[in-house]
Amino acid sequence: MTDAPQTDLKTRLLEAAEMHVPFDGWSEATYAAAVTESGVDPTVARAICPRGAVDLAVAYHLRGDSQMVAAMAEADLDAMKIREKITFAVRKRLELCTDREVVRRGTTLFSLPQHAAQGAQLIWGTCDAIWIAIGDTSRDFNWYTKRATLSAVYGSTVLYWLGDDSEGQAATWAFLDRRIENVMQFEKTKAQFNNSPLGKMMAGPLEMLGRIKAPQMPKGMPGSWTPPRS
């Protein structure tokens, strides 16, 4: 049994919707236009996208993640330092977005209270995909802190990028470099703290944190990530 036909139909809906999003957002009007122009049966379309345009917005984000992972697989990541890998991934993820207004409309949608949890989940999924692609093997508390920290970097960079009018988005890439530098400084400070007298006194409580493990869940559930189908 395969879900390929369903995926193909969602792709058709998404492609038809994209041209309407800059004007109507990820709205019911955009969804209705996508159904009409894609030729997908309305009943089938609603079965594929029960939430209408919201599900198409999710599909758009996941497609970007998939494209990013593919681009990372083609890059020579082994020649890069860890910070260069992360910079490459975040930058590539944004460069793959051909229309910033589509992303802006998605940001607006997922900032609404009823969709905020979904938006946070999507950002976490993007950052999880990045860490997996660059070879992260952590399964303890660091699994959470790495993704939480990168989620903050990624989220703030997206917001900066949306308002950046500099040539070639140079200001955004400089902003990204500064945010990653902040993270690297934090990691350096954390290591210094662990080796300090106070850090050694806190070894017991810190050891308890080290016993927290990354979630072990079936693929497709929160805590695991598989390359999404576009």
Protein backbone atom coordinates (compact mmCIF):
# COMPACT_ATOMS: atom_id res chain seq x y z
CA MET A 1 0.00 0.00 0.00
CA THR A 2 1.45 3.38 -0.95
CA ASP A 3 0.50 6.96 -0.30
CA ALA A 4 2.24 8.17 -3.47
CA PRO A 5 -1.03 9.05 -5.30
CA GLN A 6 -2.15 11.10 -2.30
CA THR A 7 1.24 12.83 -2.18
CA ASP A 8 1.03 13.65 -5.89
CA LEU A 9 -2.42 15.19 -5.43
CA LYS A 10 -1.23 17.30 -2.49
CA THR A 11 1.69 18.48 -4.63
CA ARG A 12 -0.75 19.55 -7.33
CA LEU A 13 -2.82 21.43 -4.77
CA LEU A 14 0.26 23.09 -3.30
CA GLU A 15 1.60 24.19 -6.68
CA ALA A 16 -1.78 25.66 -7.59
CA ALA A 17 -2.05 27.43 -4.23
CA GLU A 18 1.38 29.09 -4.25
CA MET A 19 0.49 31.77 -6.79
CA HIS A 20 -2.48 32.86 -4.66
CA VAL A 21 -0.75 32.92 -1.26
CA PRO A 22 1.00 36.30 -1.71
CA PHE A 23 -2.40 37.92 -2.27
CA ASP A 24 -4.82 35.87 -0.16
CA GLY A 25 -2.50 34.21 2.35
CA TRP A 26 -2.91 30.61 3.42
CA SER A 27 -6.66 31.10 3.48
CA GLU A 28 -9.84 29.33 2.48
CA ALA A 29 -9.91 31.48 -0.68
CA THR A 30 -6.45 30.20 -1.63
CA TYR A 31 -7.49 26.63 -0.88
CA ALA A 32 -10.66 26.91 -2.97
CA ALA A 33 -8.69 28.36 -5.91
CA ALA A 34 -6.14 25.56 -5.61
CA VAL A 35 -8.84 22.89 -5.73
CA THR A 36 -10.43 24.47 -8.80
CA GLU A 37 -7.20 25.05 -10.71
CA SER A 38 -5.55 21.74 -9.83
CA GLY A 39 -8.54 19.73 -10.99
CA VAL A 40 -8.48 17.64 -7.81
CA ASP A 41 -11.92 16.43 -6.79
CA PRO A 42 -13.14 18.63 -3.90
CA THR A 43 -14.03 15.63 -1.73
CA VAL A 44 -10.64 14.05 -2.30
CA ALA A 45 -8.90 17.39 -1.68
CA ARG A 46 -10.67 17.79 1.65
CA ALA A 47 -9.69 14.25 2.63
CA ILE A 48 -6.05 15.03 1.83
CA CYS A 49 -6.15 18.46 3.48
CA PRO A 50 -8.81 18.39 6.23
CA ARG A 51 -7.71 21.82 7.44
CA GLY A 52 -7.59 23.25 3.95
CA ALA A 53 -4.87 25.84 3.40
CA VAL A 54 -3.30 25.14 6.80
CA ASP A 55 -2.35 21.67 5.64
CA LEU A 56 -0.99 23.13 2.41
CA ALA A 57 1.12 25.59 4.43
CA VAL A 58 2.51 22.64 6.40
CA ALA A 59 3.24 20.81 3.15
CA TYR A 60 5.06 23.89 1.83
CA HIS A 61 7.29 24.01 4.90
CA LEU A 62 8.03 20.28 4.78
CA ARG A 63 8.89 20.51 1.10
CA GLY A 64 11.46 23.17 1.97
CA ASP A 65 12.94 20.88 4.62
CA SER A 66 13.19 18.07 2.10
CA GLN A 67 14.93 20.30 -0.42
CA MET A 68 17.34 21.53 2.24
CA VAL A 69 18.29 18.00 3.25
CA ALA A 70 18.85 17.10 -0.40
CA ALA A 71 21.12 20.12 -0.85
CA MET A 72 23.08 19.21 2.28
CA ALA A 73 23.54 15.66 1.00
CA GLU A 74 25.18 17.07 -2.14
CA ALA A 75 27.46 19.47 -0.24
CA ASP A 76 30.92 18.60 1.06
CA LEU A 77 29.97 18.85 4.73
CA ASP A 78 33.01 16.86 5.83
CA ALA A 79 35.22 19.80 4.88
CA MET A 80 33.23 22.18 7.10
CA LYS A 81 33.45 22.93 10.79
CA ILE A 82 30.30 22.45 12.86
CA ARG A 83 29.37 26.15 12.79
CA GLU A 84 29.92 26.25 9.03
CA LYS A 85 27.62 23.28 8.57
CA ILE A 86 24.86 24.95 10.57
CA THR A 87 25.34 28.25 8.75
CA PHE A 88 25.22 26.46 5.40
CA ALA A 89 22.03 24.61 6.36
CA VAL A 90 20.10 27.63 7.65
CA ARG A 91 21.22 29.79 4.73
CA LYS A 92 20.33 27.11 2.19
CA ARG A 93 16.91 26.64 3.82
CA LEU A 94 16.12 30.33 3.28
CA GLU A 95 17.66 30.56 -0.18
CA LEU A 96 15.37 27.76 -1.33
CA CYS A 97 12.38 30.03 -0.66
CA THR A 98 11.75 31.72 -3.99
CA ASP A 99 9.01 34.05 -2.72
CA ARG A 100 9.46 35.67 0.68
CA GLU A 101 5.82 36.76 0.72
CA VAL A 102 4.73 33.10 0.79
CA VAL A 103 6.94 32.57 3.84
CA ARG A 104 5.70 35.80 5.41
CA ARG A 105 2.12 34.65 5.04
CA GLY A 106 3.04 31.34 6.62
CA THR A 107 4.72 33.10 9.53
CA THR A 108 1.55 35.11 10.05
CA LEU A 109 -0.59 31.96 9.94
CA PHE A 110 1.52 30.06 12.44
CA SER A 111 1.71 33.00 14.82
CA LEU A 112 -2.04 32.73 15.40
CA PRO A 113 -2.85 31.12 18.78
CA GLN A 114 -4.69 28.18 17.22
CA HIS A 115 -1.73 27.34 14.97
CA ALA A 116 1.23 28.41 17.14
CA ALA A 117 1.93 24.86 18.37
CA GLN A 118 2.04 23.62 14.79
CA GLY A 119 4.43 26.42 13.86
CA ALA A 120 6.76 25.58 16.74
CA GLN A 121 6.66 21.92 15.74
CA LEU A 122 7.63 22.79 12.17
CA ILE A 123 10.61 24.90 13.28
CA TRP A 124 11.71 22.13 15.64
CA GLY A 125 11.42 19.64 12.77
CA THR A 126 13.58 21.83 10.53
CA CYS A 127 16.28 22.07 13.19
CA ASP A 128 16.06 18.36 13.95
CA ALA A 129 16.58 17.69 10.24
CA ILE A 130 19.64 19.94 10.22
CA TRP A 131 21.25 18.22 13.20
CA ILE A 132 20.58 14.79 11.75
CA ALA A 133 21.99 15.82 8.35
CA ILE A 134 25.24 17.07 9.90
CA GLY A 135 25.69 13.84 11.83
CA ASP A 136 24.53 14.63 15.35
CA THR A 137 24.49 11.43 17.43
CA SER A 138 23.52 12.86 20.83
CA ARG A 139 20.80 10.92 22.62
CA ASP A 140 20.93 12.61 26.03
CA PHE A 141 19.86 16.04 27.28
CA ASN A 142 22.08 17.63 24.63
CA TRP A 143 19.64 16.31 22.02
CA TYR A 144 17.07 18.76 23.36
CA THR A 145 19.37 21.72 23.99
CA LYS A 146 20.88 21.56 20.50
CA ARG A 147 17.49 21.65 18.83
CA ALA A 148 16.06 24.26 21.16
CA THR A 149 19.05 26.55 20.64
CA LEU A 150 19.03 26.14 16.87
CA SER A 151 15.25 26.72 16.82
CA ALA A 152 15.85 30.11 18.44
CA VAL A 153 18.59 30.93 15.92
CA TYR A 154 16.52 29.76 12.96
CA GLY A 155 13.33 31.50 14.07
CA SER A 156 15.01 34.85 14.68
CA THR A 157 16.93 34.62 11.40
CA VAL A 158 13.73 33.98 9.43
CA LEU A 159 12.11 37.07 10.97
CA TYR A 160 15.19 39.19 10.16
CA TRP A 161 15.31 37.81 6.61
CA LEU A 162 11.68 38.71 5.98
CA GLY A 163 12.46 42.38 6.57
CA ASP A 164 15.89 42.46 4.94
CA ASP A 165 16.22 44.65 1.85
CA SER A 166 20.02 44.53 1.66
CA GLU A 167 21.67 43.39 -1.55
CA GLY A 168 21.83 39.61 -1.66
CA GLN A 169 20.41 39.55 1.88
CA ALA A 170 23.91 40.29 3.13
CA ALA A 171 22.52 41.75 6.35
CA THR A 172 20.68 38.50 7.06
CA TRP A 173 23.79 36.36 6.62
CA ALA A 174 25.71 38.71 8.94
CA PHE A 175 22.88 38.44 11.47
CA LEU A 176 23.00 34.65 11.19
CA ASP A 177 26.76 34.65 11.79
CA ARG A 178 26.28 36.74 14.94
CA ARG A 179 23.58 34.44 16.29
CA ILE A 180 25.71 31.36 15.73
CA GLU A 181 28.67 33.12 17.35
CA ASN A 182 26.43 33.73 20.39
CA VAL A 183 25.67 30.01 20.50
CA MET A 184 29.34 29.06 20.23
CA GLN A 185 30.18 31.47 23.05
CA PHE A 186 27.43 29.91 25.16
CA GLU A 187 28.88 26.44 24.57
CA LYS A 188 32.33 27.72 25.51
CA THR A 189 30.98 29.31 28.69
CA LYS A 190 29.11 26.11 29.55
CA ALA A 191 32.31 24.09 29.21
CA GLN A 192 34.20 26.57 31.41
CA PHE A 193 31.45 26.38 34.02
CA ASN A 194 31.56 22.58 34.08
CA ASN A 195 35.30 22.73 34.79
CA SER A 196 35.01 25.44 37.44
CA PRO A 197 34.77 24.73 41.21
CA LEU A 198 31.07 25.63 41.17
CA GLY A 199 30.50 23.40 38.16
CA LYS A 200 32.16 20.51 39.96
CA MET A 201 29.91 21.13 42.97
CA MET A 202 26.92 20.89 40.61
CA ALA A 203 28.15 17.66 39.09
CA GLY A 204 25.41 15.65 40.80
CA PRO A 205 22.44 17.67 39.52
CA LEU A 206 24.07 17.95 36.10
CA GLU A 207 24.50 14.19 36.01
CA MET A 208 20.75 13.83 36.54
CA LEU A 209 20.16 15.98 33.45
CA GLY A 210 22.52 13.72 31.56
CA ARG A 211 20.19 10.80 32.23
CA ILE A 212 17.43 12.43 30.20
CA LYS A 213 17.28 10.64 26.87
CA ALA A 214 16.08 11.68 23.45
CA PRO A 215 12.61 10.30 22.68
CA GLN A 216 12.40 6.84 21.22
CA MET A 217 9.28 6.97 19.09
CA PRO A 218 8.01 5.47 15.86
CA LYS A 219 8.94 7.37 12.72
CA GLY A 220 6.58 10.21 11.99
CA MET A 221 5.90 10.92 15.67
CA PRO A 222 7.21 13.97 17.59
CA GLY A 223 10.84 13.42 18.47
CA SER A 224 11.74 11.66 15.25
CA TRP A 225 12.28 13.04 11.78
CA THR A 226 12.16 11.43 8.39
CA PRO A 227 12.72 13.26 5.10
CA PRO A 228 9.25 14.51 4.07
CA ARG A 229 7.82 13.80 0.65
CA SER A 230 7.35 16.92 -1.40
